[in-house]
Amino acid sequence: MGGAAQRNATQRVAGPLQGFGGVVRKGAPKRVEFDRASAIFTSDEDQVEHWIESIDKWIASTNARYLMTLERVRRERFDRIDAETKEKERVQRLNDRFKDL
């Protein structure tokens, strides 16, 4: 990745890790490299602990959002199936009511 694309990718990944709650932290990685599904952060040695904590928080936050999305999709699916079932039952009751006319 080169030029603007690398800067944009760096901003996308580094952005959420910097400044939980809007506070920009010191020791931003000097470079972020991407290799398929992994990101490699390069930082000063004295900032490694900070970055591990930040990455752990970021992963936990991402996992929580993912689980909330799964739950929302599950509820929407349940609600849709429930509504479809109720409509089928309503139509069946109407058919039964008027079948001998």
C-alpha atoms as a PDB file:
ATOM      1  CA  MET A   1       0.000   0.000   0.000  1.00  0.00           C
ATOM      2  CA  GLY A   2       1.463   3.353  -0.819  1.00  0.00           C
ATOM      3  CA  GLY A   3       0.893   7.070  -0.602  1.00  0.00           C
ATOM      4  CA  ALA A   4      -2.589   8.323   0.207  1.00  0.00           C
ATOM      5  CA  ALA A   5      -4.012   4.817   0.516  1.00  0.00           C
ATOM      6  CA  GLN A   6      -1.514   3.985   3.250  1.00  0.00           C
ATOM      7  CA  ARG A   7      -2.246   7.264   5.067  1.00  0.00           C
ATOM      8  CA  ASN A   8      -5.999   6.630   4.888  1.00  0.00           C
ATOM      9  CA  ALA A   9      -5.613   3.048   6.148  1.00  0.00           C
ATOM     10  CA  THR A  10      -3.403   4.284   8.961  1.00  0.00           C
ATOM     11  CA  GLN A  11      -5.996   6.865   9.959  1.00  0.00           C
ATOM     12  CA  ARG A  12      -8.807   4.306   9.903  1.00  0.00           C
ATOM     13  CA  VAL A  13      -7.000   1.857  12.152  1.00  0.00           C
ATOM     14  CA  ALA A  14      -5.043   4.208  14.379  1.00  0.00           C
ATOM     15  CA  GLY A  15      -7.954   6.633  14.841  1.00  0.00           C
ATOM     16  CA  PRO A  16     -10.158   4.460  17.085  1.00  0.00           C
ATOM     17  CA  LEU A  17      -7.137   3.399  19.106  1.00  0.00           C
ATOM     18  CA  GLN A  18      -6.139   6.962  19.828  1.00  0.00           C
ATOM     19  CA  GLY A  19      -8.194   8.855  22.296  1.00  0.00           C
ATOM     20  CA  PHE A  20     -10.921   6.776  23.857  1.00  0.00           C
ATOM     21  CA  GLY A  21     -13.444   9.437  24.752  1.00  0.00           C
ATOM     22  CA  GLY A  22     -11.855  11.940  22.373  1.00  0.00           C
ATOM     23  CA  VAL A  23      -8.522  12.186  24.199  1.00  0.00           C
ATOM     24  CA  VAL A  24      -5.553  11.832  21.868  1.00  0.00           C
ATOM     25  CA  ARG A  25      -2.829   9.837  23.538  1.00  0.00           C
ATOM     26  CA  LYS A  26       0.885  10.238  23.090  1.00  0.00           C
ATOM     27  CA  GLY A  27       2.987   7.523  21.514  1.00  0.00           C
ATOM     28  CA  ALA A  28       0.976   7.014  18.339  1.00  0.00           C
ATOM     29  CA  PRO A  29       2.526   4.264  16.250  1.00  0.00           C
ATOM     30  CA  LYS A  30       4.880   5.664  13.685  1.00  0.00           C
ATOM     31  CA  ARG A  31       3.706   3.136  11.160  1.00  0.00           C
ATOM     32  CA  VAL A  32       0.933   0.647  10.617  1.00  0.00           C
ATOM     33  CA  GLU A  33       1.502  -2.130   8.093  1.00  0.00           C
ATOM     34  CA  PHE A  34      -1.238  -4.342   6.720  1.00  0.00           C
ATOM     35  CA  ASP A  35      -0.675  -7.906   5.583  1.00  0.00           C
ATOM     36  CA  ARG A  36      -3.936  -9.554   4.517  1.00  0.00           C
ATOM     37  CA  ALA A  37      -6.008  -9.797   7.712  1.00  0.00           C
ATOM     38  CA  SER A  38      -3.412  -8.474  10.160  1.00  0.00           C
ATOM     39  CA  ALA A  39      -2.130  -5.049  11.165  1.00  0.00           C
ATOM     40  CA  ILE A  40       1.400  -4.555  12.454  1.00  0.00           C
ATOM     41  CA  PHE A  41       1.911  -1.563  14.750  1.00  0.00           C
ATOM     42  CA  THR A  42       5.355  -0.035  15.158  1.00  0.00           C
ATOM     43  CA  SER A  43       5.876   2.202  18.202  1.00  0.00           C
ATOM     44  CA  ASP A  44       8.496   3.250  20.724  1.00  0.00           C
ATOM     45  CA  GLU A  45       9.321   0.556  23.266  1.00  0.00           C
ATOM     46  CA  ASP A  46       8.056   2.656  26.176  1.00  0.00           C
ATOM     47  CA  GLN A  47       4.604   2.821  24.526  1.00  0.00           C
ATOM     48  CA  VAL A  48       4.128  -0.921  23.945  1.00  0.00           C
ATOM     49  CA  GLU A  49       2.125  -1.459  27.145  1.00  0.00           C
ATOM     50  CA  HIS A  50      -0.100   1.518  26.323  1.00  0.00           C
ATOM     51  CA  TRP A  51      -0.770   0.173  22.829  1.00  0.00           C
ATOM     52  CA  ILE A  52      -1.520  -3.333  24.053  1.00  0.00           C
ATOM     53  CA  GLU A  53      -4.079  -1.878  26.486  1.00  0.00           C
ATOM     54  CA  SER A  54      -5.556   0.329  23.753  1.00  0.00           C
ATOM     55  CA  ILE A  55      -5.785  -2.545  21.290  1.00  0.00           C
ATOM     56  CA  ASP A  56      -7.394  -4.763  23.938  1.00  0.00           C
ATOM     57  CA  LYS A  57     -10.007  -2.045  24.607  1.00  0.00           C
ATOM     58  CA  TRP A  58     -10.589  -1.611  20.888  1.00  0.00           C
ATOM     59  CA  ILE A  59     -11.072  -5.362  20.388  1.00  0.00           C
ATOM     60  CA  ALA A  60     -13.457  -5.562  23.369  1.00  0.00           C
ATOM     61  CA  SER A  61     -15.462  -2.622  22.030  1.00  0.00           C
ATOM     62  CA  THR A  62     -15.596  -4.132  18.544  1.00  0.00           C
ATOM     63  CA  ASN A  63     -16.678  -7.507  19.911  1.00  0.00           C
ATOM     64  CA  ALA A  64     -19.422  -5.858  21.984  1.00  0.00           C
ATOM     65  CA  ARG A  65     -20.739  -3.976  18.939  1.00  0.00           C
ATOM     66  CA  TYR A  66     -20.648  -7.192  16.906  1.00  0.00           C
ATOM     67  CA  LEU A  67     -22.632  -9.075  19.566  1.00  0.00           C
ATOM     68  CA  MET A  68     -25.194  -6.252  19.716  1.00  0.00           C
ATOM     69  CA  THR A  69     -25.543  -6.450  15.932  1.00  0.00           C
ATOM     70  CA  LEU A  70     -26.067 -10.225  16.093  1.00  0.00           C
ATOM     71  CA  GLU A  71     -28.713  -9.770  18.800  1.00  0.00           C
ATOM     72  CA  ARG A  72     -30.509  -7.062  16.787  1.00  0.00           C
ATOM     73  CA  VAL A  73     -30.549  -9.274  13.679  1.00  0.00           C
ATOM     74  CA  ARG A  74     -31.837 -12.216  15.738  1.00  0.00           C
ATOM     75  CA  ARG A  75     -34.650 -10.069  17.205  1.00  0.00           C
ATOM     76  CA  GLU A  76     -35.590  -8.697  13.778  1.00  0.00           C
ATOM     77  CA  ARG A  77     -35.707 -12.223  12.345  1.00  0.00           C
ATOM     78  CA  PHE A  78     -37.812 -13.465  15.267  1.00  0.00           C
ATOM     79  CA  ASP A  79     -40.205 -10.509  14.907  1.00  0.00           C
ATOM     80  CA  ARG A  80     -40.519 -11.096  11.144  1.00  0.00           C
ATOM     81  CA  ILE A  81     -41.197 -14.828  11.559  1.00  0.00           C
ATOM     82  CA  ASP A  82     -43.681 -14.109  14.365  1.00  0.00           C
ATOM     83  CA  ALA A  83     -45.563 -11.597  12.193  1.00  0.00           C
ATOM     84  CA  GLU A  84     -45.597 -14.049   9.255  1.00  0.00           C
ATOM     85  CA  THR A  85     -46.926 -16.824  11.504  1.00  0.00           C
ATOM     86  CA  LYS A  86     -49.666 -14.595  12.889  1.00  0.00           C
ATOM     87  CA  GLU A  87     -50.689 -13.539   9.379  1.00  0.00           C
ATOM     88  CA  LYS A  88     -50.856 -17.190   8.227  1.00  0.00           C
ATOM     89  CA  GLU A  89     -52.990 -18.052  11.251  1.00  0.00           C
ATOM     90  CA  ARG A  90     -55.315 -15.087  10.541  1.00  0.00           C
ATOM     91  CA  VAL A  91     -55.733 -16.153   6.912  1.00  0.00           C
ATOM     92  CA  GLN A  92     -56.390 -19.748   7.991  1.00  0.00           C
ATOM     93  CA  ARG A  93     -59.072 -18.590  10.454  1.00  0.00           C
ATOM     94  CA  LEU A  94     -60.742 -16.562   7.706  1.00  0.00           C
ATOM     95  CA  ASN A  95     -60.591 -19.532   5.323  1.00  0.00           C
ATOM     96  CA  ASP A  96     -62.105 -21.808   7.955  1.00  0.00           C
ATOM     97  CA  ARG A  97     -64.818 -19.261   8.745  1.00  0.00           C
ATOM     98  CA  PHE A  98     -65.918 -18.800   5.142  1.00  0.00           C
ATOM     99  CA  LYS A  99     -65.185 -22.218   3.605  1.00  0.00           C
ATOM    100  CA  ASP A 100     -68.813 -23.411   3.732  1.00  0.00           C
ATOM    101  CA  LEU A 101     -70.394 -20.332   2.124  1.00  0.00           C
END
